[in-house]
Amino acid sequence: MRADLEIIQEWIPAGSRVLALGCGDGELLAWLRDHTQVSGYGLEIDPDNIARCIENGVNVIEQDLDKGLGNFASDSFDVVVMTQALQ
């Protein structure tokens, strides 16, 4: 796992509901799912990364973050993560 993700995973409580903005290939969500029983979704715009998420069994939604997060109700997630994405 990337060094930054190793640090971030320590901050996320086991069993949390996580939303990963710009989740890339889903590496963090897959690791959290497999090791800490985290559930959640990743948002991604790049088709290649979306395909990798699906291959890894990560819940992913194709979405442009610039259009907002109106499709999620308040308090849907315990933790929201955004790494290596610029808005």
PDB file of N, CA and C in Angstrom:
ATOM      1  N   MET A   1       0.852  -1.175   0.000  1.00  0.00           N
ATOM      2  CA  MET A   1       0.000   0.000   0.000  1.00  0.00           C
ATOM      3  C   MET A   1       0.896   1.235   0.000  1.00  0.00           C
ATOM      4  N   ARG A   2       0.434   2.291  -0.676  1.00  0.00           N
ATOM      5  CA  ARG A   2       1.188   3.548  -0.695  1.00  0.00           C
ATOM      6  C   ARG A   2       1.417   4.037   0.731  1.00  0.00           C
ATOM      7  N   ALA A   3       2.537   4.727   0.933  1.00  0.00           N
ATOM      8  CA  ALA A   3       2.901   5.207   2.270  1.00  0.00           C
ATOM      9  C   ALA A   3       1.848   6.139   2.856  1.00  0.00           C
ATOM     10  N   ASP A   4       1.286   7.034   2.052  1.00  0.00           N
ATOM     11  CA  ASP A   4       0.269   7.954   2.583  1.00  0.00           C
ATOM     12  C   ASP A   4      -0.985   7.202   3.011  1.00  0.00           C
ATOM     13  N   LEU A   5      -1.348   6.156   2.287  1.00  0.00           N
ATOM     14  CA  LEU A   5      -2.528   5.376   2.645  1.00  0.00           C
ATOM     15  C   LEU A   5      -2.301   4.575   3.921  1.00  0.00           C
ATOM     16  N   GLU A   6      -1.071   4.146   4.149  1.00  0.00           N
ATOM     17  CA  GLU A   6      -0.759   3.442   5.396  1.00  0.00           C
ATOM     18  C   GLU A   6      -1.005   4.345   6.597  1.00  0.00           C
ATOM     19  N   ILE A   7      -0.665   5.609   6.469  1.00  0.00           N
ATOM     20  CA  ILE A   7      -0.906   6.567   7.556  1.00  0.00           C
ATOM     21  C   ILE A   7      -2.403   6.819   7.709  1.00  0.00           C
ATOM     22  N   ILE A   8      -3.079   7.069   6.607  1.00  0.00           N
ATOM     23  CA  ILE A   8      -4.504   7.397   6.643  1.00  0.00           C
ATOM     24  C   ILE A   8      -5.330   6.256   7.222  1.00  0.00           C
ATOM     25  N   GLN A   9      -5.020   5.019   6.877  1.00  0.00           N
ATOM     26  CA  GLN A   9      -5.826   3.895   7.362  1.00  0.00           C
ATOM     27  C   GLN A   9      -5.828   3.805   8.881  1.00  0.00           C
ATOM     28  N   GLU A  10      -4.784   4.310   9.513  1.00  0.00           N
ATOM     29  CA  GLU A  10      -4.720   4.286  10.977  1.00  0.00           C
ATOM     30  C   GLU A  10      -5.739   5.232  11.610  1.00  0.00           C
ATOM     31  N   TRP A  11      -6.177   6.244  10.879  1.00  0.00           N
ATOM     32  CA  TRP A  11      -7.119   7.242  11.406  1.00  0.00           C
ATOM     33  C   TRP A  11      -8.573   6.821  11.275  1.00  0.00           C
ATOM     34  N   ILE A  12      -8.853   5.747  10.560  1.00  0.00           N
ATOM     35  CA  ILE A  12     -10.224   5.356  10.257  1.00  0.00           C
ATOM     36  C   ILE A  12     -10.638   4.208  11.177  1.00  0.00           C
ATOM     37  N   PRO A  13     -11.634   4.457  12.026  1.00  0.00           N
ATOM     38  CA  PRO A  13     -12.056   3.421  12.973  1.00  0.00           C
ATOM     39  C   PRO A  13     -12.637   2.191  12.269  1.00  0.00           C
ATOM     40  N   ALA A  14     -12.391   1.041  12.843  1.00  0.00           N
ATOM     41  CA  ALA A  14     -12.941  -0.206  12.321  1.00  0.00           C
ATOM     42  C   ALA A  14     -14.461  -0.106  12.274  1.00  0.00           C
ATOM     43  N   GLY A  15     -15.030  -0.682  11.229  1.00  0.00           N
ATOM     44  CA  GLY A  15     -16.475  -0.709  11.083  1.00  0.00           C
ATOM     45  C   GLY A  15     -17.102   0.585  10.602  1.00  0.00           C
ATOM     46  N   SER A  16     -16.294   1.575  10.256  1.00  0.00           N
ATOM     47  CA  SER A  16     -16.810   2.867   9.799  1.00  0.00           C
ATOM     48  C   SER A  16     -17.441   2.765   8.418  1.00  0.00           C
ATOM     49  N   ARG A  17     -18.291   3.739   8.128  1.00  0.00           N
ATOM     50  CA  ARG A  17     -18.831   3.931   6.784  1.00  0.00           C
ATOM     51  C   ARG A  17     -17.992   5.039   6.156  1.00  0.00           C
ATOM     52  N   VAL A  18     -17.321   4.722   5.052  1.00  0.00           N
ATOM     53  CA  VAL A  18     -16.330   5.633   4.464  1.00  0.00           C
ATOM     54  C   VAL A  18     -16.727   6.019   3.051  1.00  0.00           C
ATOM     55  N   LEU A  19     -16.553   7.298   2.744  1.00  0.00           N
ATOM     56  CA  LEU A  19     -16.681   7.805   1.382  1.00  0.00           C
ATOM     57  C   LEU A  19     -15.312   8.290   0.960  1.00  0.00           C
ATOM     58  N   ALA A  20     -14.784   7.726  -0.105  1.00  0.00           N
ATOM     59  CA  ALA A  20     -13.460   8.116  -0.605  1.00  0.00           C
ATOM     60  C   ALA A  20     -13.646   8.918  -1.889  1.00  0.00           C
ATOM     61  N   LEU A  21     -13.315  10.194  -1.827  1.00  0.00           N
ATOM     62  CA  LEU A  21     -13.455  11.090  -2.970  1.00  0.00           C
ATOM     63  C   LEU A  21     -12.206  11.002  -3.828  1.00  0.00           C
ATOM     64  N   GLY A  22     -12.379  10.742  -5.119  1.00  0.00           N
ATOM     65  CA  GLY A  22     -11.214  10.537  -5.974  1.00  0.00           C
ATOM     66  C   GLY A  22     -10.459   9.313  -5.521  1.00  0.00           C
ATOM     67  N   CYS A  23     -11.147   8.193  -5.440  1.00  0.00           N
ATOM     68  CA  CYS A  23     -10.604   6.991  -4.794  1.00  0.00           C
ATOM     69  C   CYS A  23      -9.539   6.266  -5.600  1.00  0.00           C
ATOM     70  N   GLY A  24      -9.272   6.701  -6.829  1.00  0.00           N
ATOM     71  CA  GLY A  24      -8.256   6.026  -7.636  1.00  0.00           C
ATOM     72  C   GLY A  24      -8.662   4.600  -7.935  1.00  0.00           C
ATOM     73  N   ASP A  25      -7.757   3.666  -7.729  1.00  0.00           N
ATOM     74  CA  ASP A  25      -8.045   2.260  -8.020  1.00  0.00           C
ATOM     75  C   ASP A  25      -8.724   1.540  -6.864  1.00  0.00           C
ATOM     76  N   GLY A  26      -9.043   2.257  -5.786  1.00  0.00           N
ATOM     77  CA  GLY A  26      -9.755   1.672  -4.656  1.00  0.00           C
ATOM     78  C   GLY A  26      -8.871   0.960  -3.659  1.00  0.00           C
ATOM     79  N   GLU A  27      -7.566   1.165  -3.756  1.00  0.00           N
ATOM     80  CA  GLU A  27      -6.630   0.451  -2.882  1.00  0.00           C
ATOM     81  C   GLU A  27      -6.953   0.641  -1.402  1.00  0.00           C
ATOM     82  N   LEU A  28      -7.204   1.882  -0.989  1.00  0.00           N
ATOM     83  CA  LEU A  28      -7.483   2.145   0.419  1.00  0.00           C
ATOM     84  C   LEU A  28      -8.785   1.481   0.851  1.00  0.00           C
ATOM     85  N   LEU A  29      -9.848   1.639   0.082  1.00  0.00           N
ATOM     86  CA  LEU A  29     -11.122   1.037   0.457  1.00  0.00           C
ATOM     87  C   LEU A  29     -11.043  -0.488   0.512  1.00  0.00           C
ATOM     88  N   ALA A  30     -10.336  -1.086  -0.423  1.00  0.00           N
ATOM     89  CA  ALA A  30     -10.185  -2.548  -0.423  1.00  0.00           C
ATOM     90  C   ALA A  30      -9.429  -2.998   0.826  1.00  0.00           C
ATOM     91  N   TRP A  31      -8.372  -2.287   1.177  1.00  0.00           N
ATOM     92  CA  TRP A  31      -7.599  -2.662   2.364  1.00  0.00           C
ATOM     93  C   TRP A  31      -8.453  -2.509   3.619  1.00  0.00           C
ATOM     94  N   LEU A  32      -9.160  -1.399   3.730  1.00  0.00           N
ATOM     95  CA  LEU A  32     -10.013  -1.171   4.901  1.00  0.00           C
ATOM     96  C   LEU A  32     -11.110  -2.227   4.996  1.00  0.00           C
ATOM     97  N   ARG A  33     -11.704  -2.573   3.884  1.00  0.00           N
ATOM     98  CA  ARG A  33     -12.747  -3.604   3.853  1.00  0.00           C
ATOM     99  C   ARG A  33     -12.194  -4.940   4.348  1.00  0.00           C
ATOM    100  N   ASP A  34     -11.017  -5.296   3.865  1.00  0.00           N
ATOM    101  CA  ASP A  34     -10.447  -6.605   4.170  1.00  0.00           C
ATOM    102  C   ASP A  34      -9.849  -6.705   5.563  1.00  0.00           C
ATOM    103  N   HIS A  35      -9.428  -5.581   6.144  1.00  0.00           N
ATOM    104  CA  HIS A  35      -8.721  -5.636   7.423  1.00  0.00           C
ATOM    105  C   HIS A  35      -9.461  -5.007   8.592  1.00  0.00           C
ATOM    106  N   THR A  36     -10.417  -4.112   8.328  1.00  0.00           N
ATOM    107  CA  THR A  36     -11.079  -3.426   9.448  1.00  0.00           C
ATOM    108  C   THR A  36     -12.600  -3.391   9.300  1.00  0.00           C
ATOM    109  N   GLN A  37     -13.148  -4.193   8.403  1.00  0.00           N
ATOM    110  CA  GLN A  37     -14.586  -4.309   8.217  1.00  0.00           C
ATOM    111  C   GLN A  37     -15.264  -2.958   7.946  1.00  0.00           C
ATOM    112  N   VAL A  38     -14.558  -2.087   7.262  1.00  0.00           N
ATOM    113  CA  VAL A  38     -15.113  -0.808   6.832  1.00  0.00           C
ATOM    114  C   VAL A  38     -15.992  -1.063   5.615  1.00  0.00           C
ATOM    115  N   SER A  39     -17.087  -0.317   5.521  1.00  0.00           N
ATOM    116  CA  SER A  39     -17.920  -0.357   4.322  1.00  0.00           C
ATOM    117  C   SER A  39     -17.934   1.037   3.725  1.00  0.00           C
ATOM    118  N   GLY A  40     -18.206   1.118   2.446  1.00  0.00           N
ATOM    119  CA  GLY A  40     -18.248   2.446   1.865  1.00  0.00           C
ATOM    120  C   GLY A  40     -18.237   2.438   0.364  1.00  0.00           C
ATOM    121  N   TYR A  41     -18.051   3.636  -0.154  1.00  0.00           N
ATOM    122  CA  TYR A  41     -18.046   3.876  -1.586  1.00  0.00           C
ATOM    123  C   TYR A  41     -16.875   4.766  -1.957  1.00  0.00           C
ATOM    124  N   GLY A  42     -16.416   4.579  -3.169  1.00  0.00           N
ATOM    125  CA  GLY A  42     -15.438   5.476  -3.746  1.00  0.00           C
ATOM    126  C   GLY A  42     -16.090   6.239  -4.888  1.00  0.00           C
ATOM    127  N   LEU A  43     -15.722   7.488  -5.039  1.00  0.00           N
ATOM    128  CA  LEU A  43     -16.145   8.283  -6.186  1.00  0.00           C
ATOM    129  C   LEU A  43     -14.929   8.489  -7.063  1.00  0.00           C
ATOM    130  N   GLU A  44     -15.103   8.261  -8.353  1.00  0.00           N
ATOM    131  CA  GLU A  44     -13.978   8.350  -9.279  1.00  0.00           C
ATOM    132  C   GLU A  44     -14.506   8.769 -10.641  1.00  0.00           C
ATOM    133  N   ILE A  45     -13.683   9.482 -11.385  1.00  0.00           N
ATOM    134  CA  ILE A  45     -14.075   9.941 -12.723  1.00  0.00           C
ATOM    135  C   ILE A  45     -13.291   9.221 -13.833  1.00  0.00           C
ATOM    136  N   ASP A  46     -12.122   8.694 -13.511  1.00  0.00           N
ATOM    137  CA  ASP A  46     -11.274   8.050 -14.519  1.00  0.00           C
ATOM    138  C   ASP A  46     -11.765   6.628 -14.807  1.00  0.00           C
ATOM    139  N   PRO A  47     -12.105   6.331 -16.063  1.00  0.00           N
ATOM    140  CA  PRO A  47     -12.633   5.004 -16.411  1.00  0.00           C
ATOM    141  C   PRO A  47     -11.691   3.843 -16.063  1.00  0.00           C
ATOM    142  N   ASP A  48     -10.389   4.034 -16.236  1.00  0.00           N
ATOM    143  CA  ASP A  48      -9.442   2.959 -15.910  1.00  0.00           C
ATOM    144  C   ASP A  48      -9.446   2.663 -14.415  1.00  0.00           C
ATOM    145  N   ASN A  49      -9.485   3.707 -13.597  1.00  0.00           N
ATOM    146  CA  ASN A  49      -9.545   3.502 -12.147  1.00  0.00           C
ATOM    147  C   ASN A  49     -10.867   2.874 -11.729  1.00  0.00           C
ATOM    148  N   ILE A  50     -11.945   3.276 -12.365  1.00  0.00           N
ATOM    149  CA  ILE A  50     -13.245   2.665 -12.061  1.00  0.00           C
ATOM    150  C   ILE A  50     -13.200   1.169 -12.352  1.00  0.00           C
ATOM    151  N   ALA A  51     -12.611   0.795 -13.482  1.00  0.00           N
ATOM    152  CA  ALA A  51     -12.490  -0.626 -13.834  1.00  0.00           C
ATOM    153  C   ALA A  51     -11.663  -1.371 -12.791  1.00  0.00           C
ATOM    154  N   ARG A  52     -10.572  -0.763 -12.315  1.00  0.00           N
ATOM    155  CA  ARG A  52      -9.738  -1.416 -11.292  1.00  0.00           C
ATOM    156  C   ARG A  52     -10.509  -1.579  -9.976  1.00  0.00           C
ATOM    157  N   CYS A  53     -11.304  -0.571  -9.614  1.00  0.00           N
ATOM    158  CA  CYS A  53     -12.140  -0.688  -8.410  1.00  0.00           C
ATOM    159  C   CYS A  53     -13.076  -1.887  -8.529  1.00  0.00           C
ATOM    160  N   ILE A  54     -13.731  -1.987  -9.655  1.00  0.00           N
ATOM    161  CA  ILE A  54     -14.677  -3.083  -9.869  1.00  0.00           C
ATOM    162  C   ILE A  54     -13.957  -4.420  -9.810  1.00  0.00           C
ATOM    163  N   GLU A  55     -12.777  -4.515 -10.428  1.00  0.00           N
ATOM    164  CA  GLU A  55     -11.982  -5.749 -10.377  1.00  0.00           C
ATOM    165  C   GLU A  55     -11.632  -6.123  -8.935  1.00  0.00           C
ATOM    166  N   ASN A  56     -11.427  -5.101  -8.083  1.00  0.00           N
ATOM    167  CA  ASN A  56     -11.057  -5.336  -6.680  1.00  0.00           C
ATOM    168  C   ASN A  56     -12.269  -5.447  -5.763  1.00  0.00           C
ATOM    169  N   GLY A  57     -13.470  -5.423  -6.332  1.00  0.00           N
ATOM    170  CA  GLY A  57     -14.675  -5.569  -5.524  1.00  0.00           C
ATOM    171  C   GLY A  57     -15.012  -4.341  -4.692  1.00  0.00           C
ATOM    172  N   VAL A  58     -14.515  -3.184  -5.100  1.00  0.00           N
ATOM    173  CA  VAL A  58     -14.764  -1.944  -4.376  1.00  0.00           C
ATOM    174  C   VAL A  58     -16.003  -1.273  -4.960  1.00  0.00           C
ATOM    175  N   ASN A  59     -16.916  -0.847  -4.086  1.00  0.00           N
ATOM    176  CA  ASN A  59     -18.087  -0.092  -4.519  1.00  0.00           C
ATOM    177  C   ASN A  59     -17.619   1.258  -5.042  1.00  0.00           C
ATOM    178  N   VAL A  60     -17.895   1.547  -6.293  1.00  0.00           N
ATOM    179  CA  VAL A  60     -17.428   2.793  -6.904  1.00  0.00           C
ATOM    180  C   VAL A  60     -18.555   3.410  -7.709  1.00  0.00           C
ATOM    181  N   ILE A  61     -18.608   4.720  -7.659  1.00  0.00           N
ATOM    182  CA  ILE A  61     -19.596   5.484  -8.416  1.00  0.00           C
ATOM    183  C   ILE A  61     -18.834   6.446  -9.315  1.00  0.00           C
ATOM    184  N   GLU A  62     -19.195   6.451 -10.594  1.00  0.00           N
ATOM    185  CA  GLU A  62     -18.584   7.417 -11.506  1.00  0.00           C
ATOM    186  C   GLU A  62     -19.243   8.765 -11.247  1.00  0.00           C
ATOM    187  N   GLN A  63     -18.427   9.718 -10.777  1.00  0.00           N
ATOM    188  CA  GLN A  63     -18.982  11.031 -10.450  1.00  0.00           C
ATOM    189  C   GLN A  63     -17.901  12.095 -10.518  1.00  0.00           C
ATOM    190  N   ASP A  64     -18.275  13.235 -11.066  1.00  0.00           N
ATOM    191  CA  ASP A  64     -17.410  14.406 -11.120  1.00  0.00           C
ATOM    192  C   ASP A  64     -17.616  15.192  -9.823  1.00  0.00           C
ATOM    193  N   LEU A  65     -16.588  15.288  -9.012  1.00  0.00           N
ATOM    194  CA  LEU A  65     -16.703  15.977  -7.725  1.00  0.00           C
ATOM    195  C   LEU A  65     -17.070  17.442  -7.874  1.00  0.00           C
ATOM    196  N   ASP A  66     -16.750  18.031  -9.011  1.00  0.00           N
ATOM    197  CA  ASP A  66     -17.093  19.430  -9.240  1.00  0.00           C
ATOM    198  C   ASP A  66     -18.605  19.644  -9.307  1.00  0.00           C
ATOM    199  N   LYS A  67     -19.351  18.576  -9.495  1.00  0.00           N
ATOM    200  CA  LYS A  67     -20.816  18.687  -9.557  1.00  0.00           C
ATOM    201  C   LYS A  67     -21.462  18.459  -8.202  1.00  0.00           C
ATOM    202  N   GLY A  68     -20.663  18.295  -7.160  1.00  0.00           N
ATOM    203  CA  GLY A  68     -21.190  18.177  -5.807  1.00  0.00           C
ATOM    204  C   GLY A  68     -21.486  16.760  -5.374  1.00  0.00           C
ATOM    205  N   LEU A  69     -22.016  16.670  -4.157  1.00  0.00           N
ATOM    206  CA  LEU A  69     -22.303  15.373  -3.540  1.00  0.00           C
ATOM    207  C   LEU A  69     -23.774  15.277  -3.151  1.00  0.00           C
ATOM    208  N   GLY A  70     -24.640  15.940  -3.915  1.00  0.00           N
ATOM    209  CA  GLY A  70     -26.058  15.996  -3.586  1.00  0.00           C
ATOM    210  C   GLY A  70     -26.776  14.663  -3.600  1.00  0.00           C
ATOM    211  N   ASN A  71     -26.172  13.632  -4.158  1.00  0.00           N
ATOM    212  CA  ASN A  71     -26.820  12.323  -4.195  1.00  0.00           C
ATOM    213  C   ASN A  71     -26.618  11.518  -2.911  1.00  0.00           C
ATOM    214  N   PHE A  72     -25.971  12.111  -1.908  1.00  0.00           N
ATOM    215  CA  PHE A  72     -25.784  11.452  -0.618  1.00  0.00           C
ATOM    216  C   PHE A  72     -26.499  12.243   0.467  1.00  0.00           C
ATOM    217  N   ALA A  73     -27.262  11.563   1.293  1.00  0.00           N
ATOM    218  CA  ALA A  73     -27.939  12.212   2.407  1.00  0.00           C
ATOM    219  C   ALA A  73     -26.930  12.566   3.492  1.00  0.00           C
ATOM    220  N   SER A  74     -27.257  13.562   4.286  1.00  0.00           N
ATOM    221  CA  SER A  74     -26.407  13.923   5.427  1.00  0.00           C
ATOM    222  C   SER A  74     -26.246  12.717   6.340  1.00  0.00           C
ATOM    223  N   ASP A  75     -25.092  12.620   6.949  1.00  0.00           N
ATOM    224  CA  ASP A  75     -24.767  11.549   7.901  1.00  0.00           C
ATOM    225  C   ASP A  75     -24.767  10.154   7.277  1.00  0.00           C
ATOM    226  N   SER A  76     -24.547  10.064   5.971  1.00  0.00           N
ATOM    227  CA  SER A  76     -24.464   8.758   5.317  1.00  0.00           C
ATOM    228  C   SER A  76     -23.144   8.056   5.614  1.00  0.00           C
ATOM    229  N   PHE A  77     -22.121   8.839   5.986  1.00  0.00           N
ATOM    230  CA  PHE A  77     -20.783   8.288   6.195  1.00  0.00           C
ATOM    231  C   PHE A  77     -20.197   8.815   7.503  1.00  0.00           C
ATOM    232  N   ASP A  78     -19.348   7.994   8.106  1.00  0.00           N
ATOM    233  CA  ASP A  78     -18.645   8.400   9.322  1.00  0.00           C
ATOM    234  C   ASP A  78     -17.375   9.164   8.993  1.00  0.00           C
ATOM    235  N   VAL A  79     -16.741   8.804   7.871  1.00  0.00           N
ATOM    236  CA  VAL A  79     -15.463   9.374   7.471  1.00  0.00           C
ATOM    237  C   VAL A  79     -15.496   9.652   5.973  1.00  0.00           C
ATOM    238  N   VAL A  80     -14.988  10.815   5.590  1.00  0.00           N
ATOM    239  CA  VAL A  80     -14.808  11.135   4.176  1.00  0.00           C
ATOM    240  C   VAL A  80     -13.323  11.376   3.957  1.00  0.00           C
ATOM    241  N   VAL A  81     -12.765  10.711   2.955  1.00  0.00           N
ATOM    242  CA  VAL A  81     -11.331  10.774   2.677  1.00  0.00           C
ATOM    243  C   VAL A  81     -11.120  11.334   1.270  1.00  0.00           C
ATOM    244  N   MET A  82     -10.133  12.202   1.149  1.00  0.00           N
ATOM    245  CA  MET A  82      -9.757  12.693  -0.172  1.00  0.00           C
ATOM    246  C   MET A  82      -8.232  12.763  -0.212  1.00  0.00           C
ATOM    247  N   THR A  83      -7.618  11.887  -0.988  1.00  0.00           N
ATOM    248  CA  THR A  83      -6.166  11.856  -1.122  1.00  0.00           C
ATOM    249  C   THR A  83      -5.798  12.042  -2.574  1.00  0.00           C
ATOM    250  N   GLN A  84      -4.769  12.772  -2.824  1.00  0.00           N
ATOM    251  CA  GLN A  84      -4.205  12.959  -4.157  1.00  0.00           C
ATOM    252  C   GLN A  84      -5.220  13.408  -5.201  1.00  0.00           C
ATOM    253  N   ALA A  85      -6.215  14.164  -4.798  1.00  0.00           N
ATOM    254  CA  ALA A  85      -7.160  14.768  -5.740  1.00  0.00           C
ATOM    255  C   ALA A  85      -7.216  16.250  -5.410  1.00  0.00           C
ATOM    256  N   LEU A  86      -7.260  17.065  -6.439  1.00  0.00           N
ATOM    257  CA  LEU A  86      -7.331  18.506  -6.233  1.00  0.00           C
ATOM    258  C   LEU A  86      -8.646  19.022  -6.764  1.00  0.00           C
ATOM    259  N   GLN A  87      -9.291  19.848  -5.998  1.00  0.00           N
ATOM    260  CA  GLN A  87     -10.536  20.474  -6.430  1.00  0.00           C
ATOM    261  C   GLN A  87     -10.334  21.966  -6.504  1.00  0.00           C
TER     262      GLN A  87
END
